[in-house]
Amino acid sequence: MSIHTSLKAPKNATESLRNVMKRHERVRHLMAHGLWTEGRSVLGLPKIKQTKMKARKAVKEKEAAAGEGTAAAAPPPAA
């Protein structure tokens, strides 16, 4: 008997975005932002939410405009 498709984990399950960081990741984040004091307990750390960043459309539009500008600046082919 096989496993139902809804019960299978996706192939990229390990790469999926988690809501909250693990304890060692929170300590690294606090150290990087200068909020960690030496000798502090690792228990009771604040939760740090991970946010997913989306690509901006303005960047793509600028690249497209730059590509068209170079094509327009080139001399037309001789007939």
N, C-alpha and C. Protein backbone atom coordinates (compact mmCIF):
# COMPACT_ATOMS: atom_id res chain seq x y z
N MET A 1 0.83 -1.17 0.00
CA MET A 1 0.00 0.00 0.00
C MET A 1 0.89 1.25 0.00
N SER A 2 0.54 2.22 -0.81
CA SER A 2 1.38 3.41 -0.93
C SER A 2 0.88 4.56 -0.05
N ILE A 3 1.73 5.58 0.11
CA ILE A 3 1.39 6.75 0.90
C ILE A 3 0.59 7.72 0.04
N HIS A 4 -0.44 8.29 0.62
CA HIS A 4 -1.26 9.27 -0.09
C HIS A 4 -0.41 10.50 -0.41
N THR A 5 -0.63 11.13 -1.57
CA THR A 5 0.19 12.27 -2.00
C THR A 5 0.11 13.45 -1.05
N SER A 6 -0.99 13.64 -0.35
CA SER A 6 -1.11 14.77 0.57
C SER A 6 -0.25 14.58 1.82
N LEU A 7 0.16 13.34 2.10
CA LEU A 7 0.96 13.06 3.28
C LEU A 7 2.46 13.08 3.00
N LYS A 8 2.84 13.13 1.76
CA LYS A 8 4.25 13.16 1.41
C LYS A 8 4.81 14.56 1.61
N ALA A 9 6.06 14.62 2.06
CA ALA A 9 6.73 15.91 2.23
C ALA A 9 7.25 16.37 0.87
N PRO A 10 7.18 17.67 0.58
CA PRO A 10 7.72 18.15 -0.69
C PRO A 10 9.23 17.96 -0.74
N LYS A 11 9.77 17.92 -1.93
CA LYS A 11 11.20 17.67 -2.10
C LYS A 11 12.05 18.78 -1.47
N ASN A 12 11.57 20.00 -1.48
CA ASN A 12 12.34 21.11 -0.93
C ASN A 12 11.87 21.47 0.48
N ALA A 13 11.42 20.49 1.24
CA ALA A 13 10.90 20.75 2.59
C ALA A 13 11.99 21.28 3.51
N THR A 14 13.22 20.86 3.31
CA THR A 14 14.30 21.33 4.17
C THR A 14 14.68 22.77 3.83
N GLU A 15 14.36 23.24 2.64
CA GLU A 15 14.71 24.59 2.22
C GLU A 15 13.55 25.57 2.42
N SER A 16 12.41 25.07 2.89
CA SER A 16 11.25 25.94 3.03
C SER A 16 11.47 26.96 4.14
N LEU A 17 10.76 28.05 4.07
CA LEU A 17 10.89 29.12 5.03
C LEU A 17 10.17 28.76 6.32
N ARG A 18 10.90 28.82 7.42
CA ARG A 18 10.30 28.54 8.72
C ARG A 18 9.83 29.85 9.35
N ASN A 19 8.87 29.78 10.24
CA ASN A 19 8.34 30.98 10.88
C ASN A 19 9.29 31.56 11.91
N VAL A 20 9.93 30.72 12.69
CA VAL A 20 10.77 31.18 13.79
C VAL A 20 12.11 30.48 13.70
N MET A 21 13.18 31.19 14.07
CA MET A 21 14.52 30.62 14.03
C MET A 21 14.74 29.69 15.22
N LYS A 22 15.70 28.79 15.09
CA LYS A 22 16.09 27.93 16.19
C LYS A 22 16.96 28.72 17.16
N ARG A 23 17.22 28.14 18.32
CA ARG A 23 17.94 28.86 19.38
C ARG A 23 19.32 29.32 18.93
N HIS A 24 20.09 28.45 18.30
CA HIS A 24 21.44 28.84 17.88
C HIS A 24 21.39 29.90 16.78
N GLU A 25 20.37 29.86 15.95
CA GLU A 25 20.22 30.90 14.92
C GLU A 25 19.85 32.24 15.55
N ARG A 26 19.03 32.21 16.60
CA ARG A 26 18.67 33.45 17.29
C ARG A 26 19.88 34.06 17.97
N VAL A 27 20.74 33.22 18.57
CA VAL A 27 21.96 33.73 19.22
C VAL A 27 22.85 34.38 18.17
N ARG A 28 23.03 33.75 17.03
CA ARG A 28 23.85 34.33 15.96
C ARG A 28 23.27 35.66 15.48
N HIS A 29 21.95 35.74 15.35
CA HIS A 29 21.29 36.97 14.91
C HIS A 29 21.51 38.08 15.92
N LEU A 30 21.36 37.76 17.22
CA LEU A 30 21.56 38.75 18.26
C LEU A 30 23.02 39.22 18.30
N MET A 31 23.97 38.30 18.09
CA MET A 31 25.39 38.66 18.05
C MET A 31 25.68 39.59 16.87
N ALA A 32 25.09 39.28 15.72
CA ALA A 32 25.33 40.08 14.52
C ALA A 32 24.79 41.50 14.67
N HIS A 33 23.70 41.65 15.43
CA HIS A 33 23.09 42.96 15.61
C HIS A 33 23.55 43.66 16.88
N GLY A 34 24.52 43.06 17.60
CA GLY A 34 25.08 43.68 18.79
C GLY A 34 24.16 43.67 19.99
N LEU A 35 23.19 42.77 20.02
CA LEU A 35 22.23 42.71 21.12
C LEU A 35 22.57 41.60 22.12
N TRP A 36 23.63 40.85 21.86
CA TRP A 36 24.00 39.73 22.72
C TRP A 36 25.07 40.19 23.70
N THR A 37 24.84 39.93 25.00
CA THR A 37 25.85 40.23 26.01
C THR A 37 26.45 38.92 26.48
N GLU A 38 27.76 38.91 26.69
CA GLU A 38 28.46 37.70 27.09
C GLU A 38 27.97 37.26 28.46
N GLY A 39 27.73 35.97 28.62
CA GLY A 39 27.26 35.42 29.88
C GLY A 39 25.75 35.39 29.99
N ARG A 40 25.05 35.83 28.98
CA ARG A 40 23.58 35.82 28.99
C ARG A 40 23.07 34.38 28.84
N SER A 41 21.97 34.09 29.46
CA SER A 41 21.38 32.75 29.37
C SER A 41 20.74 32.57 27.99
N VAL A 42 20.85 31.36 27.46
CA VAL A 42 20.25 31.07 26.16
C VAL A 42 18.78 30.74 26.29
N LEU A 43 18.28 30.70 27.51
CA LEU A 43 16.87 30.44 27.74
C LEU A 43 16.12 31.77 27.78
N GLY A 44 14.93 31.80 27.23
CA GLY A 44 14.11 33.01 27.27
C GLY A 44 14.51 34.05 26.23
N LEU A 45 15.09 33.61 25.13
CA LEU A 45 15.47 34.55 24.07
C LEU A 45 14.23 35.04 23.33
N PRO A 46 14.28 36.26 22.79
CA PRO A 46 13.13 36.74 22.01
C PRO A 46 13.02 35.97 20.70
N LYS A 47 11.80 35.76 20.25
CA LYS A 47 11.59 35.09 18.97
C LYS A 47 11.88 36.07 17.85
N ILE A 48 12.51 35.58 16.80
CA ILE A 48 12.87 36.41 15.66
C ILE A 48 12.18 35.83 14.44
N LYS A 49 11.28 36.59 13.86
CA LYS A 49 10.53 36.12 12.71
C LYS A 49 11.35 36.32 11.44
N GLN A 50 11.30 35.34 10.57
CA GLN A 50 11.96 35.43 9.28
C GLN A 50 10.95 35.95 8.28
N THR A 51 11.36 36.91 7.49
CA THR A 51 10.46 37.44 6.47
C THR A 51 10.98 37.05 5.10
N LYS A 52 10.05 36.79 4.21
CA LYS A 52 10.40 36.40 2.85
C LYS A 52 10.43 37.65 1.99
N MET A 53 11.52 37.87 1.30
CA MET A 53 11.66 39.06 0.47
C MET A 53 11.24 38.73 -0.96
N LYS A 54 10.51 39.65 -1.56
CA LYS A 54 10.10 39.48 -2.95
C LYS A 54 10.93 40.39 -3.83
N ALA A 55 11.18 39.96 -5.05
CA ALA A 55 11.93 40.78 -6.00
C ALA A 55 11.07 41.95 -6.43
N ARG A 56 11.71 43.08 -6.57
CA ARG A 56 10.97 44.27 -6.99
C ARG A 56 10.83 44.31 -8.50
N LYS A 57 9.70 44.78 -8.96
CA LYS A 57 9.46 44.89 -10.39
C LYS A 57 10.23 46.05 -10.98
N ALA A 58 10.52 47.09 -10.20
CA ALA A 58 11.23 48.26 -10.69
C ALA A 58 12.62 47.88 -11.18
N VAL A 59 13.26 46.94 -10.52
CA VAL A 59 14.59 46.52 -10.93
C VAL A 59 14.52 45.84 -12.29
N LYS A 60 13.51 45.00 -12.49
CA LYS A 60 13.36 44.32 -13.77
C LYS A 60 13.06 45.33 -14.88
N GLU A 61 12.26 46.34 -14.58
CA GLU A 61 11.91 47.35 -15.58
C GLU A 61 13.14 48.17 -15.97
N LYS A 62 13.99 48.48 -15.00
CA LYS A 62 15.22 49.24 -15.29
C LYS A 62 16.14 48.43 -16.18
N GLU A 63 16.27 47.12 -15.89
CA GLU A 63 17.12 46.27 -16.71
C GLU A 63 16.58 46.17 -18.13
N ALA A 64 15.27 46.09 -18.28
CA ALA A 64 14.65 46.02 -19.60
C ALA A 64 14.87 47.33 -20.35
N ALA A 65 14.74 48.46 -19.66
CA ALA A 65 14.95 49.76 -20.28
C ALA A 65 16.42 49.93 -20.68
N ALA A 66 17.32 49.44 -19.87
CA ALA A 66 18.74 49.53 -20.20
C ALA A 66 19.05 48.67 -21.42
N GLY A 67 18.41 47.52 -21.53
CA GLY A 67 18.61 46.64 -22.69
C GLY A 67 18.08 47.28 -23.96
N GLU A 68 16.94 47.98 -23.86
CA GLU A 68 16.38 48.65 -25.03
C GLU A 68 17.22 49.86 -25.40
N GLY A 69 17.78 50.53 -24.41
CA GLY A 69 18.59 51.72 -24.67
C GLY A 69 19.86 51.37 -25.42
N THR A 70 20.47 50.24 -25.12
CA THR A 70 21.69 49.84 -25.82
C THR A 70 21.36 49.41 -27.25
N ALA A 71 20.20 48.81 -27.43
CA ALA A 71 19.79 48.41 -28.77
C ALA A 71 19.46 49.64 -29.62
N ALA A 72 18.89 50.67 -29.02
CA ALA A 72 18.55 51.88 -29.74
C ALA A 72 19.79 52.71 -30.05
N ALA A 73 20.81 52.62 -29.22
CA ALA A 73 22.03 53.39 -29.42
C ALA A 73 22.90 52.79 -30.53
N ALA A 74 22.73 51.53 -30.83
CA ALA A 74 23.52 50.89 -31.88
C ALA A 74 23.08 51.42 -33.24
N PRO A 75 24.04 51.62 -34.16
CA PRO A 75 23.68 52.11 -35.49
C PRO A 75 22.86 51.08 -36.27
N PRO A 76 21.96 51.52 -37.11
CA PRO A 76 21.15 50.55 -37.88
C PRO A 76 22.05 49.83 -38.88
N PRO A 77 21.68 48.59 -39.24
CA PRO A 77 22.48 47.84 -40.19
C PRO A 77 22.45 48.49 -41.58
N ALA A 78 23.58 48.45 -42.27
CA ALA A 78 23.66 49.05 -43.61
C ALA A 78 22.91 48.19 -44.60
N ALA A 79 22.22 48.86 -45.53
CA ALA A 79 21.42 48.13 -46.52
C ALA A 79 22.20 47.83 -47.76
